[in-house]
Amino acid sequence: MKNKDLGMGIGIGLGIGAALGILFDNLGLGIALGLIFGSLFNVSKKRNNKGEK
């Protein structure tokens, strides 16, 4: 996995996490959820790229 993909996944996760945090009035929880989502996004992306190597 390239570092750019990792950064993109974390960035998307943090963006969604911040939005969720504002929505639930709990920024820490939102960021935690965002990081989990970002890592899941990276895992699914890695699986899709395996066949292309």
N, C-alpha and C. Protein backbone atom coordinates (compact mmCIF):
# COMPACT_ATOMS: atom_id res chain seq x y z
N MET A 1 0.86 -1.20 0.00
CA MET A 1 0.00 0.00 0.00
C MET A 1 0.88 1.24 0.00
N LYS A 2 0.54 2.16 -0.85
CA LYS A 2 1.30 3.40 -0.93
C LYS A 2 0.90 4.36 0.20
N ASN A 3 1.82 5.21 0.58
CA ASN A 3 1.54 6.18 1.64
C ASN A 3 0.44 7.15 1.24
N LYS A 4 0.34 7.44 -0.03
CA LYS A 4 -0.70 8.35 -0.51
C LYS A 4 -2.09 7.76 -0.24
N ASP A 5 -2.24 6.45 -0.50
CA ASP A 5 -3.52 5.79 -0.24
C ASP A 5 -3.86 5.83 1.24
N LEU A 6 -2.86 5.58 2.09
CA LEU A 6 -3.07 5.61 3.53
C LEU A 6 -3.51 7.01 3.96
N GLY A 7 -2.81 8.02 3.47
CA GLY A 7 -3.16 9.40 3.81
C GLY A 7 -4.55 9.77 3.34
N MET A 8 -4.91 9.30 2.15
CA MET A 8 -6.24 9.59 1.62
C MET A 8 -7.32 8.92 2.47
N GLY A 9 -7.10 7.68 2.85
CA GLY A 9 -8.07 6.97 3.69
C GLY A 9 -8.25 7.65 5.03
N ILE A 10 -7.13 8.05 5.65
CA ILE A 10 -7.21 8.74 6.94
C ILE A 10 -7.88 10.10 6.77
N GLY A 11 -7.55 10.80 5.70
CA GLY A 11 -8.16 12.10 5.44
C GLY A 11 -9.67 12.01 5.27
N ILE A 12 -10.11 11.05 4.48
CA ILE A 12 -11.56 10.83 4.29
C ILE A 12 -12.19 10.46 5.62
N GLY A 13 -11.53 9.57 6.35
CA GLY A 13 -12.03 9.14 7.66
C GLY A 13 -12.15 10.29 8.64
N LEU A 14 -11.13 11.15 8.67
CA LEU A 14 -11.17 12.29 9.59
C LEU A 14 -12.25 13.27 9.19
N GLY A 15 -12.42 13.48 7.90
CA GLY A 15 -13.48 14.38 7.43
C GLY A 15 -14.85 13.89 7.84
N ILE A 16 -15.11 12.61 7.60
CA ILE A 16 -16.39 12.02 8.00
C ILE A 16 -16.51 12.02 9.51
N GLY A 17 -15.41 11.68 10.19
CA GLY A 17 -15.40 11.64 11.65
C GLY A 17 -15.70 13.00 12.26
N ALA A 18 -15.12 14.06 11.70
CA ALA A 18 -15.38 15.41 12.21
C ALA A 18 -16.85 15.78 12.01
N ALA A 19 -17.40 15.42 10.85
CA ALA A 19 -18.81 15.69 10.59
C ALA A 19 -19.70 14.94 11.57
N LEU A 20 -19.38 13.66 11.80
CA LEU A 20 -20.15 12.87 12.76
C LEU A 20 -20.00 13.43 14.17
N GLY A 21 -18.78 13.86 14.51
CA GLY A 21 -18.52 14.42 15.83
C GLY A 21 -19.34 15.66 16.09
N ILE A 22 -19.44 16.53 15.08
CA ILE A 22 -20.26 17.74 15.22
C ILE A 22 -21.73 17.36 15.34
N LEU A 23 -22.13 16.37 14.55
CA LEU A 23 -23.52 15.92 14.57
C LEU A 23 -23.91 15.36 15.94
N PHE A 24 -23.01 14.53 16.51
CA PHE A 24 -23.30 13.90 17.80
C PHE A 24 -22.82 14.74 18.99
N ASP A 25 -22.26 15.92 18.71
CA ASP A 25 -21.74 16.81 19.76
C ASP A 25 -20.66 16.11 20.59
N ASN A 26 -19.86 15.28 19.91
CA ASN A 26 -18.78 14.57 20.58
C ASN A 26 -17.66 14.37 19.55
N LEU A 27 -16.75 15.32 19.47
CA LEU A 27 -15.73 15.31 18.42
C LEU A 27 -14.78 14.12 18.55
N GLY A 28 -14.42 13.77 19.80
CA GLY A 28 -13.50 12.64 20.01
C GLY A 28 -14.06 11.35 19.46
N LEU A 29 -15.33 11.10 19.75
CA LEU A 29 -16.00 9.89 19.26
C LEU A 29 -16.05 9.90 17.73
N GLY A 30 -16.38 11.04 17.16
CA GLY A 30 -16.46 11.16 15.70
C GLY A 30 -15.12 10.89 15.03
N ILE A 31 -14.04 11.43 15.60
CA ILE A 31 -12.71 11.20 15.03
C ILE A 31 -12.31 9.74 15.15
N ALA A 32 -12.64 9.11 16.29
CA ALA A 32 -12.35 7.69 16.46
C ALA A 32 -13.08 6.86 15.41
N LEU A 33 -14.36 7.14 15.21
CA LEU A 33 -15.14 6.44 14.18
C LEU A 33 -14.54 6.70 12.80
N GLY A 34 -14.12 7.93 12.57
CA GLY A 34 -13.52 8.30 11.29
C GLY A 34 -12.24 7.54 11.00
N LEU A 35 -11.39 7.38 12.04
CA LEU A 35 -10.15 6.63 11.86
C LEU A 35 -10.43 5.16 11.56
N ILE A 36 -11.44 4.60 12.24
CA ILE A 36 -11.83 3.21 11.97
C ILE A 36 -12.31 3.09 10.53
N PHE A 37 -13.16 4.03 10.11
CA PHE A 37 -13.67 4.02 8.74
C PHE A 37 -12.52 4.16 7.74
N GLY A 38 -11.57 5.06 8.04
CA GLY A 38 -10.43 5.28 7.15
C GLY A 38 -9.59 4.02 6.98
N SER A 39 -9.36 3.29 8.08
CA SER A 39 -8.57 2.06 7.98
C SER A 39 -9.35 0.99 7.21
N LEU A 40 -10.66 0.92 7.41
CA LEU A 40 -11.48 -0.04 6.65
C LEU A 40 -11.45 0.28 5.16
N PHE A 41 -11.51 1.58 4.85
CA PHE A 41 -11.43 2.04 3.46
C PHE A 41 -10.11 1.57 2.83
N ASN A 42 -9.01 1.70 3.59
CA ASN A 42 -7.70 1.28 3.09
C ASN A 42 -7.64 -0.22 2.85
N VAL A 43 -8.21 -1.00 3.75
CA VAL A 43 -8.20 -2.46 3.61
C VAL A 43 -8.96 -2.87 2.35
N SER A 44 -10.14 -2.29 2.14
CA SER A 44 -10.93 -2.65 0.97
C SER A 44 -10.21 -2.20 -0.31
N LYS A 45 -9.54 -1.05 -0.25
CA LYS A 45 -8.81 -0.57 -1.42
C LYS A 45 -7.63 -1.49 -1.74
N LYS A 46 -6.95 -1.96 -0.70
CA LYS A 46 -5.82 -2.86 -0.88
C LYS A 46 -6.28 -4.16 -1.53
N ARG A 47 -7.40 -4.68 -1.12
CA ARG A 47 -7.94 -5.92 -1.69
C ARG A 47 -8.23 -5.73 -3.18
N ASN A 48 -8.76 -4.57 -3.55
CA ASN A 48 -9.08 -4.31 -4.95
C ASN A 48 -7.82 -4.21 -5.80
N ASN A 49 -6.72 -3.74 -5.21
CA ASN A 49 -5.48 -3.55 -5.97
C ASN A 49 -4.65 -4.81 -6.11
N LYS A 50 -4.95 -5.84 -5.35
CA LYS A 50 -4.14 -7.08 -5.39
C LYS A 50 -4.10 -7.69 -6.78
N GLY A 51 -5.22 -7.71 -7.47
CA GLY A 51 -5.27 -8.33 -8.79
C GLY A 51 -4.55 -7.54 -9.86
N GLU A 52 -4.24 -6.27 -9.60
CA GLU A 52 -3.67 -5.41 -10.64
C GLU A 52 -2.15 -5.46 -10.71
N LYS A 53 -1.49 -6.09 -9.70
CA LYS A 53 -0.02 -6.05 -9.65
C LYS A 53 0.64 -6.87 -10.74
